[in-house]
Amino acid sequence: MQKLKMGIIGAGGIAQDRHIPAYQLISDKVSIEAVCDVNMATAQSVAEKFGIPKVYTDYSELFSEVDAITICTPNKFHAEITIAALEAGVHVLCEKPMAMTTKECEAMIEAANESGKVLSIGYHYRFMKESQAAKKVIVEQEIGEPIVARAQALRRRKVPGWGVFTNKELQGGGSLIDWGCHFLDLSLWLLGNPKPVQVMGKAYNHLSKMPGQVNQWGSFDHETFNVDDHVTAYITFDNGASMLFETSWAANIKEDVEHISISGLQGGIDVFPFELNQAKHGMLLNSQANWIPGDEDPGLIQVRNFANACLGEEELIVKPEEAMQVSQIIDAIYESSQTGQSVKIDNREDFV
């Protein structure tokens, strides 16, 4: 069987800790041919560490060497590299979020449609065992029509003190665009990706701008901190469903929280840990799973799905049109926070 030739663009932590090891576990399908980073020393070090044969500092130079690429760069470069790769006839798996803005997402989708190549986004929370179990239960109508979703991605004091996570120019935002986006995506997917129509949101960064803050994930300059560390939002959808959303890097809460719950007409689910809640037989029933099948590493399932989609063997699970909905909501939350008004989302039929 012919293998998919893969290139890695951006050789930082997410490439080394998730994507490269995952691809090497499916070496029967994928061969990593090249790694690219603007820092040659970093690229060479990663190539040596993982046995990758070719090294580049200019991403355009590796397109002729590969069938597909995985983009692990700061958010600012997602759209630029994705569009260039698609126009060169190369499949793309781009790390989350899809891009800095919805407008960039639209350009990426247009390039994918014109090229006929696969474009997917790295929302790996969909591939967690609990997420897959929740999706199966919802699809099989165990909770009926979903009505209300609640999503919380909360860290008490974990502002990333490394990399470019707090660089607004390179990342576009903070806790919302970095971590909260995963919970937005997963919630939307479980709801069946209804179209968002209106958003009311508020972004804060008061805590991280105060001197002397306790932070578990390294140090950062509170004087120059200009991204969000705590965000809340209320989102409504075209099918009548709604979502209560909150995410933080820094908040005065008791402990970190990863929570998604969905209430439907016939029941409800909690995702982490998975639980099915119903009112049946004159009783209130809560059902927990003693065992959920699947791999413990969602990153592995993600790259396997992408590789199989590129090879024409499997349907893509994270579609770009769905990922763009997350960016639409992120844009709207930031706009709503700035204006103090709710924001209506214009859903173009040719994209969503």
Protein backbone atom coordinates (compact mmCIF):
# COMPACT_ATOMS: atom_id res chain seq x y z
CA MET A 1 0.00 0.00 0.00
CA GLN A 2 1.26 3.46 -0.88
CA LYS A 3 1.91 5.62 2.17
CA LEU A 4 0.81 9.21 2.66
CA LYS A 5 3.89 11.43 2.61
CA MET A 6 3.59 13.92 5.49
CA GLY A 7 5.29 17.22 6.23
CA ILE A 8 5.23 18.96 9.62
CA ILE A 9 5.23 22.78 9.63
CA GLY A 10 6.07 24.27 13.01
CA ALA A 11 8.29 22.13 15.22
CA GLY A 12 7.19 23.26 18.67
CA GLY A 13 5.53 21.42 21.54
CA ILE A 14 2.28 20.42 19.85
CA ALA A 15 4.19 18.86 16.94
CA GLN A 16 6.62 17.00 19.18
CA ASP A 17 4.18 15.93 21.89
CA ARG A 18 1.10 15.04 19.82
CA HIS A 19 1.29 14.94 16.04
CA ILE A 20 4.68 13.43 15.22
CA PRO A 21 4.41 10.58 17.78
CA ALA A 22 0.85 9.86 16.62
CA TYR A 23 1.85 9.68 12.95
CA GLN A 24 4.73 7.37 13.82
CA LEU A 25 2.24 5.00 15.44
CA ILE A 26 0.46 4.64 12.07
CA SER A 27 3.64 4.21 10.02
CA ASP A 28 1.84 1.65 7.88
CA LYS A 29 -0.17 4.54 6.43
CA VAL A 30 1.98 7.65 6.93
CA SER A 31 5.62 8.47 6.37
CA ILE A 32 6.91 11.76 7.80
CA GLU A 33 9.20 13.07 5.10
CA ALA A 34 10.03 16.59 6.27
CA VAL A 35 9.84 19.08 9.11
CA CYS A 36 9.84 22.87 8.72
CA ASP A 37 10.42 25.62 11.25
CA VAL A 38 11.55 29.23 10.97
CA ASN A 39 14.27 28.28 13.47
CA MET A 40 16.67 25.94 11.66
CA ALA A 41 18.20 24.66 14.90
CA THR A 42 14.77 23.65 16.19
CA ALA A 43 13.87 21.93 12.93
CA GLN A 44 17.17 20.05 12.85
CA SER A 45 16.82 18.99 16.49
CA VAL A 46 13.31 17.65 15.92
CA ALA A 47 14.36 15.90 12.71
CA GLU A 48 17.18 14.16 14.55
CA LYS A 49 14.99 13.26 17.52
CA PHE A 50 12.27 11.62 15.40
CA GLY A 51 14.31 10.40 12.44
CA ILE A 52 12.76 12.75 9.89
CA PRO A 53 14.91 12.88 6.73
CA LYS A 54 14.43 16.45 5.44
CA VAL A 55 14.54 19.87 7.09
CA TYR A 56 13.27 23.25 5.82
CA THR A 57 12.84 26.82 7.04
CA ASP A 58 10.64 27.86 4.08
CA TYR A 59 7.37 25.91 4.13
CA SER A 60 6.77 26.36 0.40
CA GLU A 61 9.88 24.33 -0.39
CA LEU A 62 8.52 21.12 1.10
CA PHE A 63 5.22 21.02 -0.82
CA SER A 64 6.82 19.13 -3.69
CA GLU A 65 8.08 16.48 -1.24
CA VAL A 66 4.78 15.58 0.43
CA ASP A 67 1.14 14.64 -0.10
CA ALA A 68 -0.10 16.32 3.09
CA ILE A 69 1.04 18.69 5.81
CA THR A 70 0.21 19.26 9.46
CA ILE A 71 0.36 22.91 10.54
CA CYS A 72 1.56 23.55 14.10
CA THR A 73 2.45 27.24 13.87
CA PRO A 74 1.05 30.23 15.77
CA ASN A 75 -2.53 31.06 14.76
CA LYS A 76 -1.49 34.07 12.67
CA PHE A 77 0.01 31.82 9.98
CA HIS A 78 -2.72 29.15 9.76
CA ALA A 79 -4.62 30.67 6.84
CA GLU A 80 -1.54 31.72 4.86
CA ILE A 81 0.11 28.30 4.99
CA THR A 82 -3.13 26.35 4.52
CA ILE A 83 -4.10 28.26 1.37
CA ALA A 84 -0.59 27.98 -0.10
CA ALA A 85 -0.53 24.22 0.53
CA LEU A 86 -3.99 23.62 -0.94
CA GLU A 87 -3.11 25.64 -4.03
CA ALA A 88 -0.02 23.43 -4.37
CA GLY A 89 -2.23 20.32 -4.31
CA VAL A 90 -1.39 19.26 -0.74
CA HIS A 91 -3.85 18.00 1.91
CA VAL A 92 -3.91 19.97 5.19
CA LEU A 93 -4.47 19.20 8.85
CA CYS A 94 -4.26 22.57 10.62
CA GLU A 95 -4.07 22.92 14.38
CA LYS A 96 -6.90 24.70 16.14
CA PRO A 97 -8.27 27.31 15.96
CA MET A 98 -8.88 27.26 12.23
CA ALA A 99 -7.64 30.84 11.77
CA MET A 100 -7.51 34.28 13.35
CA THR A 101 -10.86 35.37 11.85
CA THR A 102 -13.94 34.01 10.10
CA LYS A 103 -12.89 35.82 6.92
CA GLU A 104 -9.65 33.82 6.86
CA CYS A 105 -11.64 30.62 7.43
CA GLU A 106 -13.77 31.38 4.39
CA ALA A 107 -10.67 31.83 2.25
CA MET A 108 -9.32 28.48 3.49
CA ILE A 109 -12.55 26.69 2.64
CA GLU A 110 -12.64 28.29 -0.79
CA ALA A 111 -9.08 27.09 -1.46
CA ALA A 112 -9.99 23.58 -0.30
CA ASN A 113 -13.06 23.46 -2.54
CA GLU A 114 -11.10 24.67 -5.55
CA SER A 115 -8.24 22.22 -4.98
CA GLY A 116 -10.35 19.19 -4.13
CA LYS A 117 -7.92 18.39 -1.32
CA VAL A 118 -8.74 17.46 2.28
CA LEU A 119 -8.75 20.21 4.90
CA SER A 120 -9.30 19.39 8.55
CA ILE A 121 -8.76 21.24 11.84
CA GLY A 122 -7.16 19.84 15.00
CA TYR A 123 -10.15 19.75 17.33
CA HIS A 124 -9.06 16.53 18.99
CA TYR A 125 -11.61 16.66 21.83
CA ARG A 126 -14.11 15.12 19.39
CA PHE A 127 -11.98 11.98 19.36
CA MET A 128 -11.99 11.39 23.12
CA LYS A 129 -13.76 8.21 24.19
CA GLU A 130 -16.28 10.13 26.29
CA SER A 131 -17.05 12.45 23.38
CA GLN A 132 -17.58 9.55 21.00
CA ALA A 133 -19.87 7.86 23.54
CA ALA A 134 -21.89 11.05 23.97
CA LYS A 135 -22.25 11.47 20.20
CA LYS A 136 -23.44 7.88 19.81
CA VAL A 137 -26.07 8.29 22.53
CA ILE A 138 -27.35 11.55 20.99
CA VAL A 139 -27.45 10.14 17.45
CA GLU A 140 -29.43 7.15 18.73
CA GLN A 141 -32.03 9.56 20.19
CA GLU A 142 -31.46 8.62 23.83
CA ILE A 143 -31.92 12.24 24.92
CA GLY A 144 -34.27 13.36 22.15
CA GLU A 145 -33.87 16.80 20.63
CA PRO A 146 -30.99 18.69 22.31
CA ILE A 147 -32.14 22.00 23.82
CA VAL A 148 -29.51 23.48 26.14
CA ALA A 149 -25.74 22.97 26.26
CA ARG A 150 -23.44 24.03 29.09
CA ALA A 151 -19.71 24.16 28.51
CA GLN A 152 -16.99 25.08 30.99
CA ALA A 153 -13.25 24.98 30.32
CA LEU A 154 -11.87 26.56 33.47
CA ARG A 155 -8.37 26.74 34.88
CA ARG A 156 -7.80 28.38 38.25
CA ARG A 157 -4.28 29.73 37.69
CA LYS A 158 -2.73 28.29 34.54
CA VAL A 159 -1.78 31.07 32.16
CA PRO A 160 0.76 29.49 29.74
CA GLY A 161 4.06 31.16 30.54
CA TRP A 162 5.89 29.75 27.53
CA GLY A 163 5.71 30.04 23.75
CA VAL A 164 3.50 32.73 22.21
CA PHE A 165 0.21 31.93 23.95
CA THR A 166 -0.09 35.44 25.42
CA ASN A 167 0.99 37.22 22.23
CA LYS A 168 -2.19 38.77 20.82
CA GLU A 169 -0.60 39.63 17.47
CA LEU A 170 0.41 36.01 16.84
CA GLN A 171 -2.51 34.24 18.52
CA GLY A 172 -5.46 36.61 18.26
CA GLY A 173 -6.59 36.10 21.85
CA GLY A 174 -6.08 34.12 25.02
CA SER A 175 -8.08 31.53 26.93
CA LEU A 176 -11.00 31.59 24.48
CA ILE A 177 -9.08 31.08 21.23
CA ASP A 178 -6.55 28.72 22.85
CA TRP A 179 -8.54 26.34 25.05
CA GLY A 180 -12.18 27.34 25.12
CA CYS A 181 -12.41 26.74 21.37
CA HIS A 182 -12.14 22.97 22.00
CA PHE A 183 -15.25 23.04 24.19
CA LEU A 184 -17.14 25.22 21.74
CA ASP A 185 -16.32 22.80 18.93
CA LEU A 186 -17.23 19.70 20.90
CA SER A 187 -20.50 21.20 22.11
CA LEU A 188 -21.46 22.26 18.59
CA TRP A 189 -20.65 18.81 17.22
CA LEU A 190 -22.74 17.09 19.89
CA LEU A 191 -25.62 19.47 19.15
CA GLY A 192 -25.42 18.51 15.47
CA ASN A 193 -23.69 21.72 14.36
CA PRO A 194 -26.72 24.02 14.31
CA LYS A 195 -26.03 27.49 12.94
CA PRO A 196 -25.17 30.08 15.59
CA VAL A 197 -27.38 33.15 15.17
CA GLN A 198 -26.75 35.44 18.15
CA VAL A 199 -24.02 35.81 20.76
CA MET A 200 -23.66 37.84 23.93
CA GLY A 201 -20.19 37.65 25.45
CA LYS A 202 -17.71 39.23 27.81
CA ALA A 203 -13.92 38.84 27.87
CA TYR A 204 -11.83 39.75 30.92
CA ASN A 205 -8.12 39.99 31.72
CA HIS A 206 -8.23 41.79 35.07
CA LEU A 207 -6.60 39.06 37.17
CA SER A 208 -3.59 38.53 34.92
CA LYS A 209 -2.89 42.27 34.80
CA MET A 210 -2.56 42.44 38.59
CA PRO A 211 0.97 42.22 40.04
CA GLY A 212 2.07 39.31 42.21
CA GLN A 213 -0.34 36.73 40.84
CA VAL A 214 0.19 33.04 41.60
CA ASN A 215 0.51 31.06 38.35
CA GLN A 216 1.12 27.31 38.05
CA TRP A 217 2.33 27.36 34.45
CA GLY A 218 5.39 29.57 34.45
CA SER A 219 5.79 33.33 34.54
CA PHE A 220 4.51 36.14 32.31
CA ASP A 221 4.63 39.93 32.30
CA HIS A 222 1.45 41.26 33.90
CA GLU A 223 2.16 44.77 32.61
CA THR A 224 2.06 43.73 28.93
CA PHE A 225 -0.63 41.03 29.27
CA ASN A 226 -3.32 42.00 26.72
CA VAL A 227 -5.29 38.82 25.93
CA ASP A 228 -8.32 37.34 27.68
CA ASP A 229 -7.88 35.13 30.74
CA HIS A 230 -11.62 34.64 31.47
CA VAL A 231 -14.58 34.65 29.05
CA THR A 232 -18.31 34.10 29.39
CA ALA A 233 -20.96 33.89 26.67
CA TYR A 234 -24.56 33.03 25.87
CA ILE A 235 -25.14 31.63 22.37
CA THR A 236 -28.38 30.89 20.53
CA PHE A 237 -28.88 28.75 17.42
CA ASP A 238 -31.21 28.61 14.45
CA ASN A 239 -32.94 25.45 15.73
CA GLY A 240 -33.89 27.05 19.05
CA ALA A 241 -31.07 25.50 21.08
CA SER A 242 -28.82 27.61 23.31
CA MET A 243 -25.45 27.36 25.04
CA LEU A 244 -24.05 28.71 28.30
CA PHE A 245 -20.27 28.96 27.87
CA GLU A 246 -17.33 29.88 30.11
CA THR A 247 -13.58 29.48 29.82
CA SER A 248 -10.56 30.73 31.78
CA TRP A 249 -6.82 30.56 32.28
CA ALA A 250 -7.15 32.48 35.54
CA ALA A 251 -10.23 32.72 37.76
CA ASN A 252 -10.98 32.74 41.48
CA ILE A 253 -12.62 29.33 41.54
CA LYS A 254 -12.12 26.28 43.77
CA GLU A 255 -10.56 24.03 41.13
CA ASP A 256 -10.09 23.44 37.39
CA VAL A 257 -13.22 22.33 35.55
CA GLU A 258 -13.78 20.48 32.24
CA HIS A 259 -17.52 20.15 31.82
CA ILE A 260 -20.00 19.73 29.00
CA SER A 261 -23.61 18.79 29.57
CA ILE A 262 -26.51 18.74 27.14
CA SER A 263 -30.17 18.66 28.09
CA GLY A 264 -32.63 17.23 25.60
CA LEU A 265 -36.38 16.58 25.54
CA GLN A 266 -36.00 12.92 26.59
CA GLY A 267 -32.87 13.06 28.70
CA GLY A 268 -29.47 14.60 29.15
CA ILE A 269 -25.78 13.78 29.16
CA ASP A 270 -22.66 14.81 31.00
CA VAL A 271 -19.52 14.21 28.95
CA PHE A 272 -16.61 14.31 31.45
CA PRO A 273 -17.15 11.75 32.93
CA PHE A 274 -19.80 10.32 30.65
CA GLU A 275 -23.25 9.92 32.20
CA LEU A 276 -26.78 9.58 30.82
CA ASN A 277 -29.56 11.22 32.82
CA GLN A 278 -33.21 10.35 32.18
CA ALA A 279 -36.67 10.46 33.73
CA LYS A 280 -38.20 7.02 32.96
CA HIS A 281 -40.46 4.43 34.55
CA GLY A 282 -41.57 6.95 37.14
CA MET A 283 -37.98 7.42 38.29
CA LEU A 284 -35.02 9.75 37.85
CA LEU A 285 -32.22 7.58 36.42
CA ASN A 286 -28.52 8.35 36.12
CA SER A 287 -26.56 5.81 34.08
CA GLN A 288 -22.77 5.68 34.12
CA ALA A 289 -20.60 3.72 31.71
CA ASN A 290 -18.46 1.04 33.35
CA TRP A 291 -16.38 0.78 30.16
CA ILE A 292 -16.12 2.83 26.98
CA PRO A 293 -14.33 1.35 23.95
CA GLY A 294 -11.70 3.27 22.04
CA ASP A 295 -8.11 4.45 22.20
CA GLU A 296 -6.89 6.50 25.17
CA ASP A 297 -5.02 8.88 22.84
CA PRO A 298 -7.42 11.14 20.90
CA GLY A 299 -4.48 12.57 18.96
CA LEU A 300 -3.85 9.14 17.44
CA ILE A 301 -7.46 8.72 16.32
CA GLN A 302 -7.40 12.24 14.90
CA VAL A 303 -4.38 11.69 12.64
CA ARG A 304 -5.65 8.26 11.61
CA ASN A 305 -8.95 9.80 10.49
CA PHE A 306 -7.13 12.54 8.60
CA ALA A 307 -4.77 10.09 6.89
CA ASN A 308 -7.62 7.75 5.94
CA ALA A 309 -9.62 10.71 4.57
CA CYS A 310 -6.65 11.76 2.44
CA LEU A 311 -6.37 8.19 1.15
CA GLY A 312 -10.10 8.08 0.35
CA GLU A 313 -10.80 5.38 2.93
CA GLU A 314 -12.83 7.25 5.53
CA GLU A 315 -15.10 10.27 5.97
CA LEU A 316 -13.51 13.29 7.61
CA ILE A 317 -14.79 13.80 11.17
CA VAL A 318 -13.74 17.46 11.65
CA LYS A 319 -14.94 19.30 8.56
CA PRO A 320 -13.70 22.85 7.85
CA GLU A 321 -17.23 24.29 7.56
CA GLU A 322 -17.90 23.09 11.11
CA ALA A 323 -14.60 24.46 12.41
CA MET A 324 -15.47 27.83 10.90
CA GLN A 325 -18.60 27.96 13.08
CA VAL A 326 -16.31 27.95 16.12
CA SER A 327 -14.40 30.91 14.70
CA GLN A 328 -17.67 32.71 13.97
CA ILE A 329 -18.62 32.41 17.63
CA ILE A 330 -15.16 33.47 18.83
CA ASP A 331 -15.30 36.56 16.62
CA ALA A 332 -18.77 37.37 17.92
CA ILE A 333 -17.78 36.95 21.58
CA TYR A 334 -14.86 39.34 21.20
CA GLU A 335 -17.01 41.84 19.30
CA SER A 336 -19.80 41.63 21.85
CA SER A 337 -17.33 42.19 24.68
CA GLN A 338 -15.95 45.28 22.97
CA THR A 339 -19.31 46.81 22.09
CA GLY A 340 -21.36 45.67 25.07
CA GLN A 341 -24.06 44.52 22.64
CA SER A 342 -25.21 41.13 21.40
CA VAL A 343 -23.93 40.16 17.96
CA LYS A 344 -25.97 38.56 15.20
CA ILE A 345 -24.12 36.09 12.98
CA ASP A 346 -24.74 36.15 9.25
CA ASN A 347 -24.60 32.54 8.08
CA ARG A 348 -23.72 32.37 4.40
CA GLU A 349 -25.42 29.40 2.79
CA ASP A 350 -22.46 28.70 0.52
CA PHE A 351 -20.19 28.06 3.48
CA VAL A 352 -22.29 26.88 6.43
